[in-house]
Amino acid sequence: ASRSLFSINVMGWYRQAPGKQRELVATFTSG
């Protein structure tokens, strides 16, 4: 990331397989 992670409430990962909708994989909150 281009800025401190402490300034970001939520970060995480999504994924998208061919022909499918993007789905949430994992999240990580500032807490």
PDB file of all heavy atoms in Angstrom:
ATOM      1  N   ALA A   1       0.836  -1.199   0.000  1.00  0.00           N
ATOM      2  CA  ALA A   1       0.000   0.000   0.000  1.00  0.00           C
ATOM      3  C   ALA A   1       0.873   1.251   0.000  1.00  0.00           C
ATOM      4  O   ALA A   1       2.007   1.235   0.491  1.00  0.00           O
ATOM      5  CB  ALA A   1      -0.912   0.002   1.218  1.00  0.00           C
ATOM      6  N   SER A   2       0.311   2.340  -0.518  1.00  0.00           N
ATOM      7  CA  SER A   2       1.057   3.597  -0.644  1.00  0.00           C
ATOM      8  C   SER A   2       0.970   4.463   0.608  1.00  0.00           C
ATOM      9  O   SER A   2       1.532   5.557   0.633  1.00  0.00           O
ATOM     10  CB  SER A   2       0.529   4.390  -1.846  1.00  0.00           C
ATOM     11  OG  SER A   2      -0.850   4.692  -1.666  1.00  0.00           O
ATOM     12  N   ARG A   3       0.287   3.978   1.634  1.00  0.00           N
ATOM     13  CA  ARG A   3       0.177   4.722   2.879  1.00  0.00           C
ATOM     14  C   ARG A   3       0.139   3.759   4.049  1.00  0.00           C
ATOM     15  O   ARG A   3      -0.025   2.549   3.881  1.00  0.00           O
ATOM     16  CB  ARG A   3      -1.059   5.618   2.884  1.00  0.00           C
ATOM     17  CG  ARG A   3      -2.338   4.868   2.685  1.00  0.00           C
ATOM     18  CD  ARG A   3      -3.512   5.798   2.404  1.00  0.00           C
ATOM     19  NE  ARG A   3      -4.222   6.194   3.596  1.00  0.00           N
ATOM     20  CZ  ARG A   3      -5.368   6.870   3.557  1.00  0.00           C
ATOM     21  NH1 ARG A   3      -5.902   7.249   2.407  1.00  0.00           N
ATOM     22  NH2 ARG A   3      -5.976   7.201   4.682  1.00  0.00           N
ATOM     23  N   SER A   4       0.268   4.310   5.221  1.00  0.00           N
ATOM     24  CA  SER A   4       0.302   3.491   6.420  1.00  0.00           C
ATOM     25  C   SER A   4      -0.981   2.677   6.578  1.00  0.00           C
ATOM     26  O   SER A   4      -2.090   3.183   6.388  1.00  0.00           O
ATOM     27  CB  SER A   4       0.466   4.383   7.656  1.00  0.00           C
ATOM     28  OG  SER A   4       0.259   3.640   8.841  1.00  0.00           O
ATOM     29  N   LEU A   5      -0.810   1.405   6.952  1.00  0.00           N
ATOM     30  CA  LEU A   5      -1.969   0.543   7.157  1.00  0.00           C
ATOM     31  C   LEU A   5      -2.802   0.996   8.357  1.00  0.00           C
ATOM     32  O   LEU A   5      -3.979   0.679   8.444  1.00  0.00           O
ATOM     33  CB  LEU A   5      -1.521  -0.905   7.344  1.00  0.00           C
ATOM     34  CG  LEU A   5      -0.720  -1.520   6.198  1.00  0.00           C
ATOM     35  CD1 LEU A   5      -0.547  -3.012   6.421  1.00  0.00           C
ATOM     36  CD2 LEU A   5      -1.357  -1.245   4.846  1.00  0.00           C
ATOM     37  N   PHE A   6      -2.198   1.733   9.253  1.00  0.00           N
ATOM     38  CA  PHE A   6      -2.943   2.224  10.419  1.00  0.00           C
ATOM     39  C   PHE A   6      -4.007   3.232  10.015  1.00  0.00           C
ATOM     40  O   PHE A   6      -4.957   3.466  10.768  1.00  0.00           O
ATOM     41  CB  PHE A   6      -1.996   2.862  11.437  1.00  0.00           C
ATOM     42  CG  PHE A   6      -1.097   1.877  12.115  1.00  0.00           C
ATOM     43  CD1 PHE A   6       0.277   1.921  11.944  1.00  0.00           C
ATOM     44  CD2 PHE A   6      -1.613   0.890  12.942  1.00  0.00           C
ATOM     45  CE1 PHE A   6       1.107   1.016  12.569  1.00  0.00           C
ATOM     46  CE2 PHE A   6      -0.789  -0.028  13.574  1.00  0.00           C
ATOM     47  CZ  PHE A   6       0.576   0.042  13.391  1.00  0.00           C
ATOM     48  N   SER A   7      -3.853   3.828   8.826  1.00  0.00           N
ATOM     49  CA  SER A   7      -4.819   4.825   8.352  1.00  0.00           C
ATOM     50  C   SER A   7      -5.943   4.203   7.527  1.00  0.00           C
ATOM     51  O   SER A   7      -6.794   4.921   7.004  1.00  0.00           O
ATOM     52  CB  SER A   7      -4.097   5.868   7.497  1.00  0.00           C
ATOM     53  OG  SER A   7      -3.642   5.294   6.286  1.00  0.00           O
ATOM     54  N   ILE A   8      -5.943   2.881   7.417  1.00  0.00           N
ATOM     55  CA  ILE A   8      -6.919   2.167   6.586  1.00  0.00           C
ATOM     56  C   ILE A   8      -7.775   1.283   7.491  1.00  0.00           C
ATOM     57  O   ILE A   8      -7.260   0.389   8.160  1.00  0.00           O
ATOM     58  CB  ILE A   8      -6.214   1.315   5.520  1.00  0.00           C
ATOM     59  CG1 ILE A   8      -5.327   2.195   4.638  1.00  0.00           C
ATOM     60  CG2 ILE A   8      -7.250   0.574   4.676  1.00  0.00           C
ATOM     61  CD1 ILE A   8      -4.456   1.412   3.672  1.00  0.00           C
ATOM     62  N   ASN A   9      -9.072   1.522   7.474  1.00  0.00           N
ATOM     63  CA  ASN A   9      -9.963   0.766   8.362  1.00  0.00           C
ATOM     64  C   ASN A   9      -9.992  -0.727   8.039  1.00  0.00           C
ATOM     65  O   ASN A   9      -9.916  -1.565   8.932  1.00  0.00           O
ATOM     66  CB  ASN A   9     -11.382   1.321   8.296  1.00  0.00           C
ATOM     67  CG  ASN A   9     -11.567   2.553   9.153  1.00  0.00           C
ATOM     68  OD1 ASN A   9     -10.809   2.800  10.086  1.00  0.00           O
ATOM     69  ND2 ASN A   9     -12.575   3.347   8.831  1.00  0.00           N
ATOM     70  N   VAL A  10     -10.147  -1.036   6.764  1.00  0.00           N
ATOM     71  CA  VAL A  10     -10.267  -2.437   6.362  1.00  0.00           C
ATOM     72  C   VAL A  10      -9.444  -2.689   5.106  1.00  0.00           C
ATOM     73  O   VAL A  10      -9.481  -1.893   4.162  1.00  0.00           O
ATOM     74  CB  VAL A  10     -11.730  -2.835   6.062  1.00  0.00           C
ATOM     75  CG1 VAL A  10     -11.818  -4.318   5.705  1.00  0.00           C
ATOM     76  CG2 VAL A  10     -12.632  -2.523   7.247  1.00  0.00           C
ATOM     77  N   MET A  11      -8.728  -3.775   5.097  1.00  0.00           N
ATOM     78  CA  MET A  11      -8.053  -4.276   3.893  1.00  0.00           C
ATOM     79  C   MET A  11      -8.409  -5.738   3.740  1.00  0.00           C
ATOM     80  O   MET A  11      -8.844  -6.396   4.691  1.00  0.00           O
ATOM     81  CB  MET A  11      -6.542  -4.107   3.991  1.00  0.00           C
ATOM     82  CG  MET A  11      -6.076  -2.681   3.947  1.00  0.00           C
ATOM     83  SD  MET A  11      -4.271  -2.556   3.838  1.00  0.00           S
ATOM     84  CE  MET A  11      -3.991  -3.098   2.140  1.00  0.00           C
ATOM     85  N   GLY A  12      -8.214  -6.231   2.545  1.00  0.00           N
ATOM     86  CA  GLY A  12      -8.503  -7.644   2.364  1.00  0.00           C
ATOM     87  C   GLY A  12      -8.281  -8.100   0.943  1.00  0.00           C
ATOM     88  O   GLY A  12      -7.669  -7.399   0.135  1.00  0.00           O
ATOM     89  N   TRP A  13      -8.794  -9.277   0.680  1.00  0.00           N
ATOM     90  CA  TRP A  13      -8.616  -9.925  -0.617  1.00  0.00           C
ATOM     91  C   TRP A  13      -9.957 -10.434  -1.142  1.00  0.00           C
ATOM     92  O   TRP A  13     -10.740 -11.024  -0.388  1.00  0.00           O
ATOM     93  CB  TRP A  13      -7.664 -11.109  -0.488  1.00  0.00           C
ATOM     94  CG  TRP A  13      -6.282 -10.734  -0.076  1.00  0.00           C
ATOM     95  CD1 TRP A  13      -5.797 -10.639   1.196  1.00  0.00           C
ATOM     96  CD2 TRP A  13      -5.191 -10.407  -0.946  1.00  0.00           C
ATOM     97  NE1 TRP A  13      -4.475 -10.264   1.176  1.00  0.00           N
ATOM     98  CE2 TRP A  13      -4.084 -10.113  -0.126  1.00  0.00           C
ATOM     99  CE3 TRP A  13      -5.041 -10.322  -2.330  1.00  0.00           C
ATOM    100  CZ2 TRP A  13      -2.841  -9.750  -0.643  1.00  0.00           C
ATOM    101  CZ3 TRP A  13      -3.815  -9.971  -2.853  1.00  0.00           C
ATOM    102  CH2 TRP A  13      -2.729  -9.684  -2.017  1.00  0.00           C
ATOM    103  N   TYR A  14     -10.168 -10.191  -2.424  1.00  0.00           N
ATOM    104  CA  TYR A  14     -11.258 -10.797  -3.162  1.00  0.00           C
ATOM    105  C   TYR A  14     -10.634 -11.654  -4.261  1.00  0.00           C
ATOM    106  O   TYR A  14      -9.452 -11.529  -4.568  1.00  0.00           O
ATOM    107  CB  TYR A  14     -12.128  -9.721  -3.830  1.00  0.00           C
ATOM    108  CG  TYR A  14     -13.221  -9.155  -2.972  1.00  0.00           C
ATOM    109  CD1 TYR A  14     -12.942  -8.240  -1.963  1.00  0.00           C
ATOM    110  CD2 TYR A  14     -14.550  -9.488  -3.195  1.00  0.00           C
ATOM    111  CE1 TYR A  14     -13.953  -7.693  -1.192  1.00  0.00           C
ATOM    112  CE2 TYR A  14     -15.573  -8.947  -2.431  1.00  0.00           C
ATOM    113  CZ  TYR A  14     -15.264  -8.046  -1.438  1.00  0.00           C
ATOM    114  OH  TYR A  14     -16.266  -7.504  -0.677  1.00  0.00           O
ATOM    115  N   ARG A  15     -11.448 -12.495  -4.844  1.00  0.00           N
ATOM    116  CA  ARG A  15     -10.999 -13.248  -6.010  1.00  0.00           C
ATOM    117  C   ARG A  15     -12.148 -13.371  -6.988  1.00  0.00           C
ATOM    118  O   ARG A  15     -13.321 -13.324  -6.616  1.00  0.00           O
ATOM    119  CB  ARG A  15     -10.477 -14.624  -5.618  1.00  0.00           C
ATOM    120  CG  ARG A  15     -11.521 -15.588  -5.070  1.00  0.00           C
ATOM    121  CD  ARG A  15     -10.858 -16.865  -4.603  1.00  0.00           C
ATOM    122  NE  ARG A  15     -11.823 -17.824  -4.080  1.00  0.00           N
ATOM    123  CZ  ARG A  15     -11.496 -18.982  -3.501  1.00  0.00           C
ATOM    124  NH1 ARG A  15     -10.203 -19.322  -3.376  1.00  0.00           N
ATOM    125  NH2 ARG A  15     -12.434 -19.792  -3.068  1.00  0.00           N
ATOM    126  N   GLN A  16     -11.765 -13.539  -8.255  1.00  0.00           N
ATOM    127  CA  GLN A  16     -12.756 -13.713  -9.303  1.00  0.00           C
ATOM    128  C   GLN A  16     -12.290 -14.793 -10.263  1.00  0.00           C
ATOM    129  O   GLN A  16     -11.255 -14.640 -10.912  1.00  0.00           O
ATOM    130  CB  GLN A  16     -13.010 -12.407 -10.046  1.00  0.00           C
ATOM    131  CG  GLN A  16     -14.165 -12.485 -11.033  1.00  0.00           C
ATOM    132  CD  GLN A  16     -14.614 -11.118 -11.498  1.00  0.00           C
ATOM    133  OE1 GLN A  16     -13.880 -10.133 -11.398  1.00  0.00           O
ATOM    134  NE2 GLN A  16     -15.831 -11.039 -12.001  1.00  0.00           N
ATOM    135  N   ALA A  17     -13.064 -15.859 -10.337  1.00  0.00           N
ATOM    136  CA  ALA A  17     -12.788 -16.946 -11.262  1.00  0.00           C
ATOM    137  C   ALA A  17     -13.521 -16.668 -12.576  1.00  0.00           C
ATOM    138  O   ALA A  17     -14.518 -15.934 -12.595  1.00  0.00           O
ATOM    139  CB  ALA A  17     -13.243 -18.265 -10.658  1.00  0.00           C
ATOM    140  N   PRO A  18     -13.056 -17.265 -13.662  1.00  0.00           N
ATOM    141  CA  PRO A  18     -13.709 -17.042 -14.955  1.00  0.00           C
ATOM    142  C   PRO A  18     -15.194 -17.392 -14.910  1.00  0.00           C
ATOM    143  O   PRO A  18     -15.573 -18.462 -14.439  1.00  0.00           O
ATOM    144  CB  PRO A  18     -12.944 -17.983 -15.891  1.00  0.00           C
ATOM    145  CG  PRO A  18     -11.614 -18.140 -15.263  1.00  0.00           C
ATOM    146  CD  PRO A  18     -11.856 -18.111 -13.789  1.00  0.00           C
ATOM    147  N   GLY A  19     -16.018 -16.460 -15.375  1.00  0.00           N
ATOM    148  CA  GLY A  19     -17.450 -16.697 -15.420  1.00  0.00           C
ATOM    149  C   GLY A  19     -18.161 -16.590 -14.094  1.00  0.00           C
ATOM    150  O   GLY A  19     -19.361 -16.882 -14.015  1.00  0.00           O
ATOM    151  N   LYS A  20     -17.439 -16.177 -13.057  1.00  0.00           N
ATOM    152  CA  LYS A  20     -18.056 -16.080 -11.734  1.00  0.00           C
ATOM    153  C   LYS A  20     -17.945 -14.664 -11.203  1.00  0.00           C
ATOM    154  O   LYS A  20     -17.131 -13.869 -11.656  1.00  0.00           O
ATOM    155  CB  LYS A  20     -17.391 -17.059 -10.759  1.00  0.00           C
ATOM    156  CG  LYS A  20     -17.604 -18.515 -11.114  1.00  0.00           C
ATOM    157  CD  LYS A  20     -17.076 -19.418 -10.024  1.00  0.00           C
ATOM    158  CE  LYS A  20     -17.356 -20.882 -10.349  1.00  0.00           C
ATOM    159  NZ  LYS A  20     -16.859 -21.780  -9.271  1.00  0.00           N
ATOM    160  N   GLN A  21     -18.767 -14.377 -10.206  1.00  0.00           N
ATOM    161  CA  GLN A  21     -18.705 -13.066  -9.574  1.00  0.00           C
ATOM    162  C   GLN A  21     -17.512 -12.986  -8.626  1.00  0.00           C
ATOM    163  O   GLN A  21     -17.018 -14.010  -8.138  1.00  0.00           O
ATOM    164  CB  GLN A  21     -20.001 -12.808  -8.792  1.00  0.00           C
ATOM    165  CG  GLN A  21     -21.222 -12.580  -9.648  1.00  0.00           C
ATOM    166  CD  GLN A  21     -22.422 -12.137  -8.842  1.00  0.00           C
ATOM    167  OE1 GLN A  21     -22.532 -12.465  -7.657  1.00  0.00           O
ATOM    168  NE2 GLN A  21     -23.316 -11.392  -9.455  1.00  0.00           N
ATOM    169  N   ARG A  22     -17.080 -11.762  -8.396  1.00  0.00           N
ATOM    170  CA  ARG A  22     -15.995 -11.553  -7.444  1.00  0.00           C
ATOM    171  C   ARG A  22     -16.485 -11.929  -6.055  1.00  0.00           C
ATOM    172  O   ARG A  22     -17.589 -11.550  -5.654  1.00  0.00           O
ATOM    173  CB  ARG A  22     -15.546 -10.096  -7.488  1.00  0.00           C
ATOM    174  CG  ARG A  22     -14.246  -9.813  -6.796  1.00  0.00           C
ATOM    175  CD  ARG A  22     -13.777  -8.385  -7.041  1.00  0.00           C
ATOM    176  NE  ARG A  22     -13.392  -8.169  -8.427  1.00  0.00           N
ATOM    177  CZ  ARG A  22     -12.743  -7.077  -8.838  1.00  0.00           C
ATOM    178  NH1 ARG A  22     -12.426  -6.131  -7.983  1.00  0.00           N
ATOM    179  NH2 ARG A  22     -12.435  -6.938 -10.116  1.00  0.00           N
ATOM    180  N   GLU A  23     -15.681 -12.668  -5.308  1.00  0.00           N
ATOM    181  CA  GLU A  23     -16.080 -13.102  -3.973  1.00  0.00           C
ATOM    182  C   GLU A  23     -15.019 -12.703  -2.952  1.00  0.00           C
ATOM    183  O   GLU A  23     -13.821 -12.688  -3.231  1.00  0.00           O
ATOM    184  CB  GLU A  23     -16.300 -14.614  -3.921  1.00  0.00           C
ATOM    185  CG  GLU A  23     -15.079 -15.457  -4.181  1.00  0.00           C
ATOM    186  CD  GLU A  23     -15.292 -16.944  -3.899  1.00  0.00           C
ATOM    187  OE1 GLU A  23     -16.311 -17.295  -3.270  1.00  0.00           O
ATOM    188  OE2 GLU A  23     -14.427 -17.739  -4.302  1.00  0.00           O
ATOM    189  N   LEU A  24     -15.499 -12.426  -1.759  1.00  0.00           N
ATOM    190  CA  LEU A  24     -14.612 -12.057  -0.670  1.00  0.00           C
ATOM    191  C   LEU A  24     -13.856 -13.276  -0.176  1.00  0.00           C
ATOM    192  O   LEU A  24     -14.449 -14.338   0.053  1.00  0.00           O
ATOM    193  CB  LEU A  24     -15.422 -11.446   0.473  1.00  0.00           C
ATOM    194  CG  LEU A  24     -14.641 -10.992   1.694  1.00  0.00           C
ATOM    195  CD1 LEU A  24     -13.692  -9.855   1.349  1.00  0.00           C
ATOM    196  CD2 LEU A  24     -15.594 -10.574   2.805  1.00  0.00           C
ATOM    197  N   VAL A  25     -12.563 -13.116   0.011  1.00  0.00           N
ATOM    198  CA  VAL A  25     -11.733 -14.206   0.508  1.00  0.00           C
ATOM    199  C   VAL A  25     -11.381 -13.991   1.977  1.00  0.00           C
ATOM    200  O   VAL A  25     -11.560 -14.888   2.809  1.00  0.00           O
ATOM    201  CB  VAL A  25     -10.440 -14.330  -0.321  1.00  0.00           C
ATOM    202  CG1 VAL A  25      -9.517 -15.396   0.267  1.00  0.00           C
ATOM    203  CG2 VAL A  25     -10.772 -14.638  -1.773  1.00  0.00           C
ATOM    204  N   ALA A  26     -10.854 -12.801   2.293  1.00  0.00           N
ATOM    205  CA  ALA A  26     -10.418 -12.535   3.665  1.00  0.00           C
ATOM    206  C   ALA A  26     -10.356 -11.035   3.897  1.00  0.00           C
ATOM    207  O   ALA A  26     -10.107 -10.265   2.959  1.00  0.00           O
ATOM    208  CB  ALA A  26      -9.049 -13.154   3.921  1.00  0.00           C
ATOM    209  N   THR A  27     -10.558 -10.640   5.150  1.00  0.00           N
ATOM    210  CA  THR A  27     -10.431  -9.234   5.529  1.00  0.00           C
ATOM    211  C   THR A  27      -9.563  -9.086   6.760  1.00  0.00           C
ATOM    212  O   THR A  27      -9.424 -10.030   7.560  1.00  0.00           O
ATOM    213  CB  THR A  27     -11.794  -8.595   5.815  1.00  0.00           C
ATOM    214  OG1 THR A  27     -12.418  -9.300   6.911  1.00  0.00           O
ATOM    215  CG2 THR A  27     -12.702  -8.624   4.618  1.00  0.00           C
ATOM    216  N   PHE A  28      -9.003  -7.888   6.901  1.00  0.00           N
ATOM    217  CA  PHE A  28      -8.147  -7.569   8.044  1.00  0.00           C
ATOM    218  C   PHE A  28      -8.449  -6.134   8.426  1.00  0.00           C
ATOM    219  O   PHE A  28      -8.261  -5.231   7.621  1.00  0.00           O
ATOM    220  CB  PHE A  28      -6.678  -7.730   7.657  1.00  0.00           C
ATOM    221  CG  PHE A  28      -5.752  -7.869   8.826  1.00  0.00           C
ATOM    222  CD1 PHE A  28      -4.962  -8.999   8.962  1.00  0.00           C
ATOM    223  CD2 PHE A  28      -5.644  -6.876   9.790  1.00  0.00           C
ATOM    224  CE1 PHE A  28      -4.094  -9.144  10.032  1.00  0.00           C
ATOM    225  CE2 PHE A  28      -4.794  -7.008  10.863  1.00  0.00           C
ATOM    226  CZ  PHE A  28      -4.005  -8.148  10.977  1.00  0.00           C
ATOM    227  N   THR A  29      -8.940  -5.920   9.633  1.00  0.00           N
ATOM    228  CA  THR A  29      -9.285  -4.571  10.045  1.00  0.00           C
ATOM    229  C   THR A  29      -8.105  -3.900  10.745  1.00  0.00           C
ATOM    230  O   THR A  29      -7.153  -4.565  11.175  1.00  0.00           O
ATOM    231  CB  THR A  29     -10.473  -4.573  11.000  1.00  0.00           C
ATOM    232  OG1 THR A  29     -10.051  -5.132  12.269  1.00  0.00           O
ATOM    233  CG2 THR A  29     -11.627  -5.394  10.451  1.00  0.00           C
ATOM    234  N   SER A  30      -8.196  -2.585  10.883  1.00  0.00           N
ATOM    235  CA  SER A  30      -7.129  -1.842  11.551  1.00  0.00           C
ATOM    236  C   SER A  30      -6.997  -2.267  13.012  1.00  0.00           C
ATOM    237  O   SER A  30      -5.927  -2.104  13.613  1.00  0.00           O
ATOM    238  CB  SER A  30      -7.401  -0.340  11.461  1.00  0.00           C
ATOM    239  OG  SER A  30      -8.655  -0.030  12.036  1.00  0.00           O
ATOM    240  N   GLY A  31      -8.058  -2.818  13.583  1.00  0.00           N
ATOM    241  CA  GLY A  31      -8.005  -3.296  14.954  1.00  0.00           C
ATOM    242  C   GLY A  31      -7.419  -4.677  15.089  1.00  0.00           C
ATOM    243  O   GLY A  31      -7.262  -5.191  16.199  1.00  0.00           O
TER     244      GLY A  31
END
